[in-house]
Amino acid sequence: MIRNGHGEAGGAERPGPGGRRAVRVWCDGCYDMVHYGHSNQLRQARAMGDHLIVGVHTDDDITLTVDGRDTYEEVKQAGRYRECKRTQGVSTTDLVGRMLLVTKAHHSSQEMSSEYREYADSFGKCPGGRNPWTGVSQFLQTSRKIIQFASGKEPQPGETVIYVAGAFDLFHIGHVDFLEKVHGLAERPYIIAGLHFDQEVNHYKGKNYPIMNLHERTLSVLACRYVSEVVIGAPYSVTAELLDHFKVDLVCHGKTEIMPDKDGSDPYEEPKRRGIFCQIDSGNDLTTDLIVQRIIKNRLEYEARNQKKEAKELAFLEAMRQQEARPERESDCDF
């Protein structure tokens, strides 16, 4: 077990309010390519108690035991089972499809192409049909979603305002390690992350990047505990106006290549001129490009896994329907 030490020293478990016994919550899943949908699930689970323990499966999400029983049958019977509300519009299946098809249909200003629509209707589909868990749905951003993820805290006197900017596409552990290093630069840091528009990212990354559109990337970054605020659609060049508006004390960038702005200028020219720019080595070589390369390399394996997973889930749904229908049939026989 890996213990998350955030909060109490050494990760010690705190008692519940009023000194009562702390409520411990268990939540498990595959968590392959962690996205804001997973973050939202964990946020909901954490709100159900005082101490959250997360179990990570070795492979696909487990809904049935080897003998065909519901994995959560025992805790359901004990009245200790709760379900988190699913975050509509995001799934690992959807994100993988964007990488494999190399389309831009997911960008904020793009219409869904016929090719992507066909993928959305058929990718990983097993012969038995579709189920509500494995599949593709359209993401719709709302103010409520942003509020759920945002801290809502403004910079306080004595805090060091640090600005970082980028695509933060497919928000991954490389990004988290970078932000953790940035967070450690000050005793009381307030980190503002500037997210570039989809078209801006596509200009300097090319292909079908970003894989996640601006609204999706916003929620992913807001879910990170090191980030206090997000600038949605930040300018590519860090301007004097931006630095003055947010009263920025420090500007940080990772070790990735800094592409010049469209006019050939250095996007970090102003913070460098002010002497507040620094580059941070996260110590992690993982990049969004590497993740995409892994997916493309293992496409057939992923599709087969997805079909197997969906078939298993459909079998579970059918078993649940039959179980729910059984009491009705029995009541029809009563005299």
C-alpha atoms as a PDB file:
ATOM      1  CA  MET A   1       0.000   0.000   0.000  1.00  0.00           C
ATOM      2  CA  ILE A   2       1.211   3.497  -0.866  1.00  0.00           C
ATOM      3  CA  ARG A   3       0.081   6.081   1.675  1.00  0.00           C
ATOM      4  CA  ASN A   4      -0.660   9.619   0.552  1.00  0.00           C
ATOM      5  CA  GLY A   5       0.966  11.891   3.104  1.00  0.00           C
ATOM      6  CA  HIS A   6      -0.881  15.089   2.199  1.00  0.00           C
ATOM      7  CA  GLY A   7      -2.394  16.825   5.208  1.00  0.00           C
ATOM      8  CA  GLU A   8      -1.371  15.227   8.496  1.00  0.00           C
ATOM      9  CA  ALA A   9       2.299  14.447   9.102  1.00  0.00           C
ATOM     10  CA  GLY A  10       3.113  10.977   7.855  1.00  0.00           C
ATOM     11  CA  GLY A  11      -0.390  10.603   6.449  1.00  0.00           C
ATOM     12  CA  ALA A  12      -1.875   9.839   9.871  1.00  0.00           C
ATOM     13  CA  GLU A  13      -5.604   9.235   9.901  1.00  0.00           C
ATOM     14  CA  ARG A  14      -7.579  11.895  11.750  1.00  0.00           C
ATOM     15  CA  PRO A  15     -10.679  11.126  13.845  1.00  0.00           C
ATOM     16  CA  GLY A  16     -14.070  12.255  12.590  1.00  0.00           C
ATOM     17  CA  PRO A  17     -15.879  15.406  13.777  1.00  0.00           C
ATOM     18  CA  GLY A  18     -16.630  15.421  17.500  1.00  0.00           C
ATOM     19  CA  GLY A  19     -14.014  12.767  18.114  1.00  0.00           C
ATOM     20  CA  ARG A  20     -16.149  10.020  16.557  1.00  0.00           C
ATOM     21  CA  ARG A  21     -14.628   7.091  14.720  1.00  0.00           C
ATOM     22  CA  ALA A  22     -13.432   8.144  11.271  1.00  0.00           C
ATOM     23  CA  VAL A  23     -15.487   6.865   8.333  1.00  0.00           C
ATOM     24  CA  ARG A  24     -13.174   4.993   5.969  1.00  0.00           C
ATOM     25  CA  VAL A  25     -14.251   4.831   2.320  1.00  0.00           C
ATOM     26  CA  TRP A  26     -12.997   2.239  -0.178  1.00  0.00           C
ATOM     27  CA  CYS A  27     -13.089   3.040  -3.900  1.00  0.00           C
ATOM     28  CA  ASP A  28     -11.543   0.901  -6.654  1.00  0.00           C
ATOM     29  CA  GLY A  29     -11.094   0.811 -10.404  1.00  0.00           C
ATOM     30  CA  CYS A  30      -8.683   0.368 -13.295  1.00  0.00           C
ATOM     31  CA  TYR A  31      -7.888   4.113 -13.553  1.00  0.00           C
ATOM     32  CA  ASP A  32      -6.201   3.645 -16.914  1.00  0.00           C
ATOM     33  CA  MET A  33      -5.146   7.041 -18.286  1.00  0.00           C
ATOM     34  CA  VAL A  34      -6.509   8.969 -15.308  1.00  0.00           C
ATOM     35  CA  HIS A  35      -8.770  11.850 -16.396  1.00  0.00           C
ATOM     36  CA  TYR A  36     -11.100  14.345 -14.717  1.00  0.00           C
ATOM     37  CA  GLY A  37     -13.899  11.744 -14.695  1.00  0.00           C
ATOM     38  CA  HIS A  38     -11.770   9.642 -12.341  1.00  0.00           C
ATOM     39  CA  SER A  39     -10.937  12.744 -10.313  1.00  0.00           C
ATOM     40  CA  ASN A  40     -14.623  13.526  -9.952  1.00  0.00           C
ATOM     41  CA  GLN A  41     -15.348   9.986  -8.782  1.00  0.00           C
ATOM     42  CA  LEU A  42     -12.645  10.208  -6.122  1.00  0.00           C
ATOM     43  CA  ARG A  43     -13.876  13.660  -5.089  1.00  0.00           C
ATOM     44  CA  GLN A  44     -17.375  12.265  -4.545  1.00  0.00           C
ATOM     45  CA  ALA A  45     -16.039   9.221  -2.695  1.00  0.00           C
ATOM     46  CA  ARG A  46     -13.913  11.389  -0.416  1.00  0.00           C
ATOM     47  CA  ALA A  47     -16.974  13.464   0.487  1.00  0.00           C
ATOM     48  CA  MET A  48     -18.705  10.316   1.767  1.00  0.00           C
ATOM     49  CA  GLY A  49     -16.311   9.909   4.680  1.00  0.00           C
ATOM     50  CA  ASP A  50     -13.166  11.057   6.441  1.00  0.00           C
ATOM     51  CA  HIS A  51     -10.491   8.766   4.980  1.00  0.00           C
ATOM     52  CA  LEU A  52     -10.337   7.516   1.375  1.00  0.00           C
ATOM     53  CA  ILE A  53      -8.540   4.331   0.334  1.00  0.00           C
ATOM     54  CA  VAL A  54      -8.228   3.694  -3.417  1.00  0.00           C
ATOM     55  CA  GLY A  55      -7.691   0.250  -4.918  1.00  0.00           C
ATOM     56  CA  VAL A  56      -6.153  -0.041  -8.396  1.00  0.00           C
ATOM     57  CA  HIS A  57      -6.940  -3.187 -10.388  1.00  0.00           C
ATOM     58  CA  THR A  58      -4.276  -5.055 -12.320  1.00  0.00           C
ATOM     59  CA  ASP A  59      -6.339  -4.799 -15.553  1.00  0.00           C
ATOM     60  CA  ASP A  60      -9.904  -3.996 -16.666  1.00  0.00           C
ATOM     61  CA  ASP A  61     -12.606  -2.746 -14.255  1.00  0.00           C
ATOM     62  CA  ILE A  62     -13.903  -5.758 -12.346  1.00  0.00           C
ATOM     63  CA  THR A  63     -17.692  -6.059 -12.205  1.00  0.00           C
ATOM     64  CA  LEU A  64     -18.026  -9.845 -11.846  1.00  0.00           C
ATOM     65  CA  THR A  65     -16.136 -12.519  -9.946  1.00  0.00           C
ATOM     66  CA  VAL A  66     -14.833 -15.626 -11.739  1.00  0.00           C
ATOM     67  CA  ASP A  67     -18.062 -17.489 -10.879  1.00  0.00           C
ATOM     68  CA  GLY A  68     -20.242 -14.730 -12.336  1.00  0.00           C
ATOM     69  CA  ARG A  69     -21.286 -13.021  -9.087  1.00  0.00           C
ATOM     70  CA  ASP A  70     -21.464  -9.281  -8.528  1.00  0.00           C
ATOM     71  CA  THR A  71     -18.103  -8.149  -7.133  1.00  0.00           C
ATOM     72  CA  TYR A  72     -19.843  -5.855  -4.660  1.00  0.00           C
ATOM     73  CA  GLU A  73     -22.570  -8.306  -3.614  1.00  0.00           C
ATOM     74  CA  GLU A  74     -21.329  -8.713  -0.048  1.00  0.00           C
ATOM     75  CA  VAL A  75     -21.062  -5.012   0.744  1.00  0.00           C
ATOM     76  CA  LYS A  76     -24.416  -4.340  -0.925  1.00  0.00           C
ATOM     77  CA  GLN A  77     -26.078  -6.918   1.304  1.00  0.00           C
ATOM     78  CA  ALA A  78     -24.438  -5.276   4.317  1.00  0.00           C
ATOM     79  CA  GLY A  79     -25.845  -1.883   3.283  1.00  0.00           C
ATOM     80  CA  ARG A  80     -22.382  -0.408   2.881  1.00  0.00           C
ATOM     81  CA  TYR A  81     -22.390   0.181  -0.879  1.00  0.00           C
ATOM     82  CA  ARG A  82     -22.710   3.634  -2.468  1.00  0.00           C
ATOM     83  CA  GLU A  83     -22.347   4.703  -6.085  1.00  0.00           C
ATOM     84  CA  CYS A  84     -20.641   7.856  -7.347  1.00  0.00           C
ATOM     85  CA  LYS A  85     -22.358   9.765 -10.107  1.00  0.00           C
ATOM     86  CA  ARG A  86     -20.645   9.205 -13.451  1.00  0.00           C
ATOM     87  CA  THR A  87     -19.091  12.243 -15.171  1.00  0.00           C
ATOM     88  CA  GLN A  88     -20.773  12.443 -18.555  1.00  0.00           C
ATOM     89  CA  GLY A  89     -18.759  13.163 -21.684  1.00  0.00           C
ATOM     90  CA  VAL A  90     -15.439  11.548 -20.812  1.00  0.00           C
ATOM     91  CA  SER A  91     -14.066   8.036 -20.918  1.00  0.00           C
ATOM     92  CA  THR A  92     -10.740   6.364 -21.564  1.00  0.00           C
ATOM     93  CA  THR A  93     -12.341   4.771 -24.645  1.00  0.00           C
ATOM     94  CA  ASP A  94     -13.120   8.196 -26.073  1.00  0.00           C
ATOM     95  CA  LEU A  95      -9.642   9.599 -25.424  1.00  0.00           C
ATOM     96  CA  VAL A  96      -7.986   6.559 -27.022  1.00  0.00           C
ATOM     97  CA  GLY A  97     -10.170   6.964 -30.104  1.00  0.00           C
ATOM     98  CA  ARG A  98      -9.015  10.554 -30.546  1.00  0.00           C
ATOM     99  CA  MET A  99      -5.391   9.395 -30.535  1.00  0.00           C
ATOM    100  CA  LEU A 100      -5.960   6.551 -32.987  1.00  0.00           C
ATOM    101  CA  LEU A 101      -8.069   8.419 -35.525  1.00  0.00           C
ATOM    102  CA  VAL A 102      -5.897  11.555 -35.573  1.00  0.00           C
ATOM    103  CA  THR A 103      -8.930  13.811 -36.046  1.00  0.00           C
ATOM    104  CA  LYS A 104      -9.682  17.234 -34.573  1.00  0.00           C
ATOM    105  CA  ALA A 105     -13.396  16.612 -33.984  1.00  0.00           C
ATOM    106  CA  HIS A 106     -12.928  16.968 -30.239  1.00  0.00           C
ATOM    107  CA  HIS A 107     -11.585  20.543 -30.438  1.00  0.00           C
ATOM    108  CA  SER A 108     -13.888  23.244 -29.115  1.00  0.00           C
ATOM    109  CA  SER A 109     -14.649  24.779 -32.521  1.00  0.00           C
ATOM    110  CA  GLN A 110     -14.865  21.580 -34.560  1.00  0.00           C
ATOM    111  CA  GLU A 111     -17.926  19.650 -35.680  1.00  0.00           C
ATOM    112  CA  MET A 112     -17.906  15.895 -35.107  1.00  0.00           C
ATOM    113  CA  SER A 113     -16.771  14.284 -38.369  1.00  0.00           C
ATOM    114  CA  SER A 114     -18.544  11.285 -39.882  1.00  0.00           C
ATOM    115  CA  GLU A 115     -15.399   9.220 -39.207  1.00  0.00           C
ATOM    116  CA  TYR A 116     -15.358  10.122 -35.534  1.00  0.00           C
ATOM    117  CA  ARG A 117     -19.118   9.615 -35.238  1.00  0.00           C
ATOM    118  CA  GLU A 118     -18.696   6.121 -36.693  1.00  0.00           C
ATOM    119  CA  TYR A 119     -15.957   5.463 -34.134  1.00  0.00           C
ATOM    120  CA  ALA A 120     -18.180   6.737 -31.333  1.00  0.00           C
ATOM    121  CA  ASP A 121     -20.876   4.293 -32.411  1.00  0.00           C
ATOM    122  CA  SER A 122     -18.693   1.242 -32.886  1.00  0.00           C
ATOM    123  CA  PHE A 123     -15.274   1.369 -31.188  1.00  0.00           C
ATOM    124  CA  GLY A 124     -14.782  -1.626 -28.932  1.00  0.00           C
ATOM    125  CA  LYS A 125     -18.405  -2.658 -29.455  1.00  0.00           C
ATOM    126  CA  CYS A 126     -18.974  -6.319 -28.684  1.00  0.00           C
ATOM    127  CA  PRO A 127     -21.578  -8.409 -30.593  1.00  0.00           C
ATOM    128  CA  GLY A 128     -24.080  -8.057 -27.723  1.00  0.00           C
ATOM    129  CA  GLY A 129     -24.487  -4.280 -28.088  1.00  0.00           C
ATOM    130  CA  ARG A 130     -23.485  -1.302 -26.004  1.00  0.00           C
ATOM    131  CA  ASN A 131     -23.585  -0.617 -22.288  1.00  0.00           C
ATOM    132  CA  PRO A 132     -23.734   2.679 -20.366  1.00  0.00           C
ATOM    133  CA  TRP A 133     -20.224   2.391 -18.873  1.00  0.00           C
ATOM    134  CA  THR A 134     -17.860   1.617 -21.759  1.00  0.00           C
ATOM    135  CA  GLY A 135     -18.367   3.992 -24.631  1.00  0.00           C
ATOM    136  CA  VAL A 136     -18.222   7.515 -25.994  1.00  0.00           C
ATOM    137  CA  SER A 137     -20.442  10.452 -25.065  1.00  0.00           C
ATOM    138  CA  GLN A 138     -20.246  14.163 -25.834  1.00  0.00           C
ATOM    139  CA  PHE A 139     -18.670  16.416 -23.217  1.00  0.00           C
ATOM    140  CA  LEU A 140     -20.701  19.450 -22.194  1.00  0.00           C
ATOM    141  CA  GLN A 141     -19.012  22.026 -19.981  1.00  0.00           C
ATOM    142  CA  THR A 142     -21.108  23.718 -17.299  1.00  0.00           C
ATOM    143  CA  SER A 143     -20.365  26.265 -14.596  1.00  0.00           C
ATOM    144  CA  ARG A 144     -21.381  23.693 -11.977  1.00  0.00           C
ATOM    145  CA  LYS A 145     -18.659  21.316 -13.146  1.00  0.00           C
ATOM    146  CA  ILE A 146     -16.032  24.034 -12.849  1.00  0.00           C
ATOM    147  CA  ILE A 147     -17.242  25.009  -9.371  1.00  0.00           C
ATOM    148  CA  GLN A 148     -17.047  21.368  -8.232  1.00  0.00           C
ATOM    149  CA  PHE A 149     -13.362  21.250  -9.142  1.00  0.00           C
ATOM    150  CA  ALA A 150     -12.289  24.798  -8.258  1.00  0.00           C
ATOM    151  CA  SER A 151     -10.926  25.790  -4.841  1.00  0.00           C
ATOM    152  CA  GLY A 152     -12.471  29.262  -5.018  1.00  0.00           C
ATOM    153  CA  LYS A 153      -9.604  30.742  -2.973  1.00  0.00           C
ATOM    154  CA  GLU A 154      -7.904  34.015  -3.869  1.00  0.00           C
ATOM    155  CA  PRO A 155      -4.217  34.777  -3.173  1.00  0.00           C
ATOM    156  CA  GLN A 156      -3.642  35.798   0.434  1.00  0.00           C
ATOM    157  CA  PRO A 157      -1.035  38.241   1.814  1.00  0.00           C
ATOM    158  CA  GLY A 158       2.299  36.479   2.167  1.00  0.00           C
ATOM    159  CA  GLU A 159       1.601  33.918  -0.545  1.00  0.00           C
ATOM    160  CA  THR A 160       3.921  33.625  -3.551  1.00  0.00           C
ATOM    161  CA  VAL A 161       1.993  33.799  -6.822  1.00  0.00           C
ATOM    162  CA  ILE A 162       3.573  31.431  -9.371  1.00  0.00           C
ATOM    163  CA  TYR A 163       2.448  31.297 -12.992  1.00  0.00           C
ATOM    164  CA  VAL A 164       2.864  28.257 -15.255  1.00  0.00           C
ATOM    165  CA  ALA A 165       1.480  27.888 -18.767  1.00  0.00           C
ATOM    166  CA  GLY A 166       1.040  25.152 -21.326  1.00  0.00           C
ATOM    167  CA  ALA A 167      -1.354  22.685 -22.918  1.00  0.00           C
ATOM    168  CA  PHE A 168      -1.420  20.216 -19.987  1.00  0.00           C
ATOM    169  CA  ASP A 169      -2.918  17.747 -22.442  1.00  0.00           C
ATOM    170  CA  LEU A 170      -3.902  14.275 -21.162  1.00  0.00           C
ATOM    171  CA  PHE A 171      -2.955  15.545 -17.703  1.00  0.00           C
ATOM    172  CA  HIS A 172      -0.541  12.893 -16.398  1.00  0.00           C
ATOM    173  CA  ILE A 173       2.019  12.145 -13.708  1.00  0.00           C
ATOM    174  CA  GLY A 174       4.696  14.114 -15.586  1.00  0.00           C
ATOM    175  CA  HIS A 175       2.565  17.227 -15.188  1.00  0.00           C
ATOM    176  CA  VAL A 176       1.877  16.413 -11.534  1.00  0.00           C
ATOM    177  CA  ASP A 177       5.590  15.972 -10.782  1.00  0.00           C
ATOM    178  CA  PHE A 178       6.333  19.316 -12.440  1.00  0.00           C
ATOM    179  CA  LEU A 179       3.630  21.110 -10.457  1.00  0.00           C
ATOM    180  CA  GLU A 180       4.813  19.458  -7.245  1.00  0.00           C
ATOM    181  CA  LYS A 181       8.321  20.799  -7.845  1.00  0.00           C
ATOM    182  CA  VAL A 182       6.898  24.256  -8.567  1.00  0.00           C
ATOM    183  CA  HIS A 183       4.786  24.042  -5.414  1.00  0.00           C
ATOM    184  CA  GLY A 184       7.928  23.367  -3.392  1.00  0.00           C
ATOM    185  CA  LEU A 185       9.612  26.587  -4.521  1.00  0.00           C
ATOM    186  CA  ALA A 186       7.796  28.686  -1.923  1.00  0.00           C
ATOM    187  CA  GLU A 187       6.660  28.262   1.645  1.00  0.00           C
ATOM    188  CA  ARG A 188       3.156  29.463   0.776  1.00  0.00           C
ATOM    189  CA  PRO A 189       2.678  29.050  -2.991  1.00  0.00           C
ATOM    190  CA  TYR A 190      -0.369  30.080  -5.015  1.00  0.00           C
ATOM    191  CA  ILE A 191      -0.050  28.450  -8.428  1.00  0.00           C
ATOM    192  CA  ILE A 192      -1.929  29.819 -11.430  1.00  0.00           C
ATOM    193  CA  ALA A 193      -1.977  27.566 -14.508  1.00  0.00           C
ATOM    194  CA  GLY A 194      -2.557  29.221 -17.886  1.00  0.00           C
ATOM    195  CA  LEU A 195      -4.138  26.869 -20.441  1.00  0.00           C
ATOM    196  CA  HIS A 196      -3.705  27.713 -24.119  1.00  0.00           C
ATOM    197  CA  PHE A 197      -6.595  27.654 -26.599  1.00  0.00           C
ATOM    198  CA  ASP A 198      -6.997  24.487 -28.692  1.00  0.00           C
ATOM    199  CA  GLN A 199      -5.996  26.296 -31.885  1.00  0.00           C
ATOM    200  CA  GLU A 200      -2.887  27.689 -30.177  1.00  0.00           C
ATOM    201  CA  VAL A 201      -1.832  24.222 -28.983  1.00  0.00           C
ATOM    202  CA  ASN A 202      -2.467  22.769 -32.422  1.00  0.00           C
ATOM    203  CA  HIS A 203      -0.286  25.495 -33.931  1.00  0.00           C
ATOM    204  CA  TYR A 204       2.803  24.543 -31.929  1.00  0.00           C
ATOM    205  CA  LYS A 205       2.107  20.814 -31.454  1.00  0.00           C
ATOM    206  CA  GLY A 206       0.570  19.931 -34.826  1.00  0.00           C
ATOM    207  CA  LYS A 207      -1.239  16.677 -35.767  1.00  0.00           C
ATOM    208  CA  ASN A 208      -4.541  16.422 -33.848  1.00  0.00           C
ATOM    209  CA  TYR A 209      -3.246  17.932 -30.616  1.00  0.00           C
ATOM    210  CA  PRO A 210      -4.551  18.723 -28.114  1.00  0.00           C
ATOM    211  CA  ILE A 211      -6.183  15.340 -27.466  1.00  0.00           C
ATOM    212  CA  MET A 212      -8.383  16.939 -24.804  1.00  0.00           C
ATOM    213  CA  ASN A 213     -10.107  20.212 -25.611  1.00  0.00           C
ATOM    214  CA  LEU A 214      -9.756  23.352 -23.532  1.00  0.00           C
ATOM    215  CA  HIS A 215     -12.789  22.701 -21.318  1.00  0.00           C
ATOM    216  CA  GLU A 216     -11.669  19.162 -20.547  1.00  0.00           C
ATOM    217  CA  ARG A 217      -8.109  20.255 -19.820  1.00  0.00           C
ATOM    218  CA  THR A 218      -9.454  22.908 -17.458  1.00  0.00           C
ATOM    219  CA  LEU A 219     -11.155  20.333 -15.232  1.00  0.00           C
ATOM    220  CA  SER A 220      -8.133  18.026 -15.336  1.00  0.00           C
ATOM    221  CA  VAL A 221      -5.776  20.744 -14.106  1.00  0.00           C
ATOM    222  CA  LEU A 222      -8.231  22.096 -11.524  1.00  0.00           C
ATOM    223  CA  ALA A 223      -8.401  18.598 -10.029  1.00  0.00           C
ATOM    224  CA  CYS A 224      -4.702  18.833  -9.092  1.00  0.00           C
ATOM    225  CA  ARG A 225      -4.170  19.859  -5.461  1.00  0.00           C
ATOM    226  CA  TYR A 226      -1.134  21.997  -6.345  1.00  0.00           C
ATOM    227  CA  VAL A 227      -3.122  24.334  -8.615  1.00  0.00           C
ATOM    228  CA  SER A 228      -5.076  27.211  -7.053  1.00  0.00           C
ATOM    229  CA  GLU A 229      -6.399  28.936 -10.182  1.00  0.00           C
ATOM    230  CA  VAL A 230      -6.676  28.318 -13.929  1.00  0.00           C
ATOM    231  CA  VAL A 231      -6.632  30.906 -16.711  1.00  0.00           C
ATOM    232  CA  ILE A 232      -8.897  29.441 -19.400  1.00  0.00           C
ATOM    233  CA  GLY A 233      -7.481  30.397 -22.785  1.00  0.00           C
ATOM    234  CA  ALA A 234      -4.297  32.109 -21.623  1.00  0.00           C
ATOM    235  CA  PRO A 235      -2.206  34.028 -24.193  1.00  0.00           C
ATOM    236  CA  TYR A 236       0.759  32.066 -25.531  1.00  0.00           C
ATOM    237  CA  SER A 237       3.192  34.851 -24.668  1.00  0.00           C
ATOM    238  CA  VAL A 238       3.359  35.787 -20.991  1.00  0.00           C
ATOM    239  CA  THR A 239       2.636  39.504 -21.248  1.00  0.00           C
ATOM    240  CA  ALA A 240       3.264  42.382 -18.887  1.00  0.00           C
ATOM    241  CA  GLU A 241      -0.502  42.839 -18.577  1.00  0.00           C
ATOM    242  CA  LEU A 242      -0.931  39.257 -17.402  1.00  0.00           C
ATOM    243  CA  LEU A 243       1.917  39.483 -14.887  1.00  0.00           C
ATOM    244  CA  ASP A 244       0.610  42.753 -13.467  1.00  0.00           C
ATOM    245  CA  HIS A 245      -3.030  41.645 -13.363  1.00  0.00           C
ATOM    246  CA  PHE A 246      -2.298  38.503 -11.321  1.00  0.00           C
ATOM    247  CA  LYS A 247       0.580  40.114  -9.401  1.00  0.00           C
ATOM    248  CA  VAL A 248       2.870  37.238 -10.418  1.00  0.00           C
ATOM    249  CA  ASP A 249       6.059  36.759  -8.384  1.00  0.00           C
ATOM    250  CA  LEU A 250       7.535  33.877 -10.370  1.00  0.00           C
ATOM    251  CA  VAL A 251       7.041  32.243 -13.788  1.00  0.00           C
ATOM    252  CA  CYS A 252       8.064  28.603 -14.286  1.00  0.00           C
ATOM    253  CA  HIS A 253       8.429  26.314 -17.282  1.00  0.00           C
ATOM    254  CA  GLY A 254       9.546  22.699 -17.571  1.00  0.00           C
ATOM    255  CA  LYS A 255      12.463  21.325 -19.553  1.00  0.00           C
ATOM    256  CA  THR A 256      10.398  20.798 -22.710  1.00  0.00           C
ATOM    257  CA  GLU A 257      11.275  22.910 -25.748  1.00  0.00           C
ATOM    258  CA  ILE A 258       9.877  26.444 -25.770  1.00  0.00           C
ATOM    259  CA  MET A 259       8.414  27.159 -29.197  1.00  0.00           C
ATOM    260  CA  PRO A 260       8.586  30.794 -30.389  1.00  0.00           C
ATOM    261  CA  ASP A 261       5.389  32.805 -30.777  1.00  0.00           C
ATOM    262  CA  LYS A 262       3.901  33.332 -34.245  1.00  0.00           C
ATOM    263  CA  ASP A 263       5.978  36.485 -34.725  1.00  0.00           C
ATOM    264  CA  GLY A 264       9.156  34.599 -33.796  1.00  0.00           C
ATOM    265  CA  SER A 265       9.482  36.176 -30.344  1.00  0.00           C
ATOM    266  CA  ASP A 266      10.246  34.372 -27.079  1.00  0.00           C
ATOM    267  CA  PRO A 267       6.941  33.837 -25.195  1.00  0.00           C
ATOM    268  CA  TYR A 268       8.806  34.253 -21.897  1.00  0.00           C
ATOM    269  CA  GLU A 269      10.661  37.417 -22.885  1.00  0.00           C
ATOM    270  CA  GLU A 270       8.844  39.650 -20.344  1.00  0.00           C
ATOM    271  CA  PRO A 271       9.288  37.450 -17.228  1.00  0.00           C
ATOM    272  CA  LYS A 272      12.936  36.940 -18.225  1.00  0.00           C
ATOM    273  CA  ARG A 273      13.373  40.682 -18.502  1.00  0.00           C
ATOM    274  CA  ARG A 274      11.945  41.064 -14.986  1.00  0.00           C
ATOM    275  CA  GLY A 275      14.213  38.328 -13.640  1.00  0.00           C
ATOM    276  CA  ILE A 276      11.318  36.158 -12.436  1.00  0.00           C
ATOM    277  CA  PHE A 277      11.603  33.251 -14.917  1.00  0.00           C
ATOM    278  CA  CYS A 278      12.983  29.823 -14.050  1.00  0.00           C
ATOM    279  CA  GLN A 279      12.996  26.374 -15.639  1.00  0.00           C
ATOM    280  CA  ILE A 280      12.113  23.356 -13.526  1.00  0.00           C
ATOM    281  CA  ASP A 281      13.231  19.773 -14.076  1.00  0.00           C
ATOM    282  CA  SER A 282      10.383  17.518 -12.913  1.00  0.00           C
ATOM    283  CA  GLY A 283      12.615  14.452 -12.981  1.00  0.00           C
ATOM    284  CA  ASN A 284       9.952  12.648 -15.011  1.00  0.00           C
ATOM    285  CA  ASP A 285      10.392  11.909 -18.727  1.00  0.00           C
ATOM    286  CA  LEU A 286       6.736  11.024 -19.389  1.00  0.00           C
ATOM    287  CA  THR A 287       5.101  13.240 -22.013  1.00  0.00           C
ATOM    288  CA  THR A 288       1.765  13.347 -23.793  1.00  0.00           C
ATOM    289  CA  ASP A 289       3.542  12.244 -26.981  1.00  0.00           C
ATOM    290  CA  LEU A 290       4.837   9.094 -25.274  1.00  0.00           C
ATOM    291  CA  ILE A 291       1.348   8.184 -24.057  1.00  0.00           C
ATOM    292  CA  VAL A 292      -0.062   8.576 -27.572  1.00  0.00           C
ATOM    293  CA  GLN A 293       2.753   6.426 -29.003  1.00  0.00           C
ATOM    294  CA  ARG A 294       1.982   3.658 -26.482  1.00  0.00           C
ATOM    295  CA  ILE A 295      -1.700   3.659 -27.445  1.00  0.00           C
ATOM    296  CA  ILE A 296      -0.991   3.519 -31.182  1.00  0.00           C
ATOM    297  CA  LYS A 297       1.537   0.710 -30.702  1.00  0.00           C
ATOM    298  CA  ASN A 298      -0.918  -1.366 -28.654  1.00  0.00           C
ATOM    299  CA  ARG A 299      -4.091  -0.568 -30.597  1.00  0.00           C
ATOM    300  CA  LEU A 300      -5.184  -4.143 -31.367  1.00  0.00           C
ATOM    301  CA  GLU A 301      -4.539  -5.265 -27.817  1.00  0.00           C
ATOM    302  CA  TYR A 302      -6.569  -2.354 -26.471  1.00  0.00           C
ATOM    303  CA  GLU A 303      -9.512  -2.974 -28.820  1.00  0.00           C
ATOM    304  CA  ALA A 304      -9.624  -6.662 -27.830  1.00  0.00           C
ATOM    305  CA  ARG A 305      -9.480  -5.731 -24.147  1.00  0.00           C
ATOM    306  CA  ASN A 306     -12.234  -3.180 -24.574  1.00  0.00           C
ATOM    307  CA  GLN A 307     -14.522  -5.682 -26.328  1.00  0.00           C
ATOM    308  CA  LYS A 308     -13.940  -8.254 -23.590  1.00  0.00           C
ATOM    309  CA  LYS A 309     -14.626  -5.660 -20.908  1.00  0.00           C
ATOM    310  CA  GLU A 310     -17.853  -4.522 -22.545  1.00  0.00           C
ATOM    311  CA  ALA A 311     -19.093  -8.084 -23.054  1.00  0.00           C
ATOM    312  CA  LYS A 312     -18.507  -8.745 -19.367  1.00  0.00           C
ATOM    313  CA  GLU A 313     -20.387  -5.625 -18.343  1.00  0.00           C
ATOM    314  CA  LEU A 314     -23.333  -6.444 -20.633  1.00  0.00           C
ATOM    315  CA  ALA A 315     -23.540  -9.915 -19.117  1.00  0.00           C
ATOM    316  CA  PHE A 316     -23.640  -8.321 -15.683  1.00  0.00           C
ATOM    317  CA  LEU A 317     -26.422  -5.929 -16.728  1.00  0.00           C
ATOM    318  CA  GLU A 318     -28.474  -8.811 -18.102  1.00  0.00           C
ATOM    319  CA  ALA A 319     -28.008 -10.776 -14.888  1.00  0.00           C
ATOM    320  CA  MET A 320     -29.170  -7.748 -12.895  1.00  0.00           C
ATOM    321  CA  ARG A 321     -32.255  -7.368 -15.082  1.00  0.00           C
ATOM    322  CA  GLN A 322     -33.171 -11.008 -14.596  1.00  0.00           C
ATOM    323  CA  GLN A 323     -32.649 -10.724 -10.855  1.00  0.00           C
ATOM    324  CA  GLU A 324     -34.898  -7.651 -10.686  1.00  0.00           C
ATOM    325  CA  ALA A 325     -37.571  -9.344 -12.809  1.00  0.00           C
ATOM    326  CA  ARG A 326     -37.634 -12.522 -10.682  1.00  0.00           C
ATOM    327  CA  PRO A 327     -39.619 -11.035  -7.726  1.00  0.00           C
ATOM    328  CA  GLU A 328     -42.220  -9.716 -10.193  1.00  0.00           C
ATOM    329  CA  ARG A 329     -42.706 -13.164 -11.732  1.00  0.00           C
ATOM    330  CA  GLU A 330     -42.965 -14.726  -8.279  1.00  0.00           C
ATOM    331  CA  SER A 331     -45.595 -12.183  -7.183  1.00  0.00           C
ATOM    332  CA  ASP A 332     -47.647 -13.002 -10.308  1.00  0.00           C
ATOM    333  CA  CYS A 333     -47.963 -16.586  -9.000  1.00  0.00           C
ATOM    334  CA  ASP A 334     -49.329 -15.589  -5.587  1.00  0.00           C
ATOM    335  CA  PHE A 335     -52.943 -16.591  -4.790  1.00  0.00           C
END
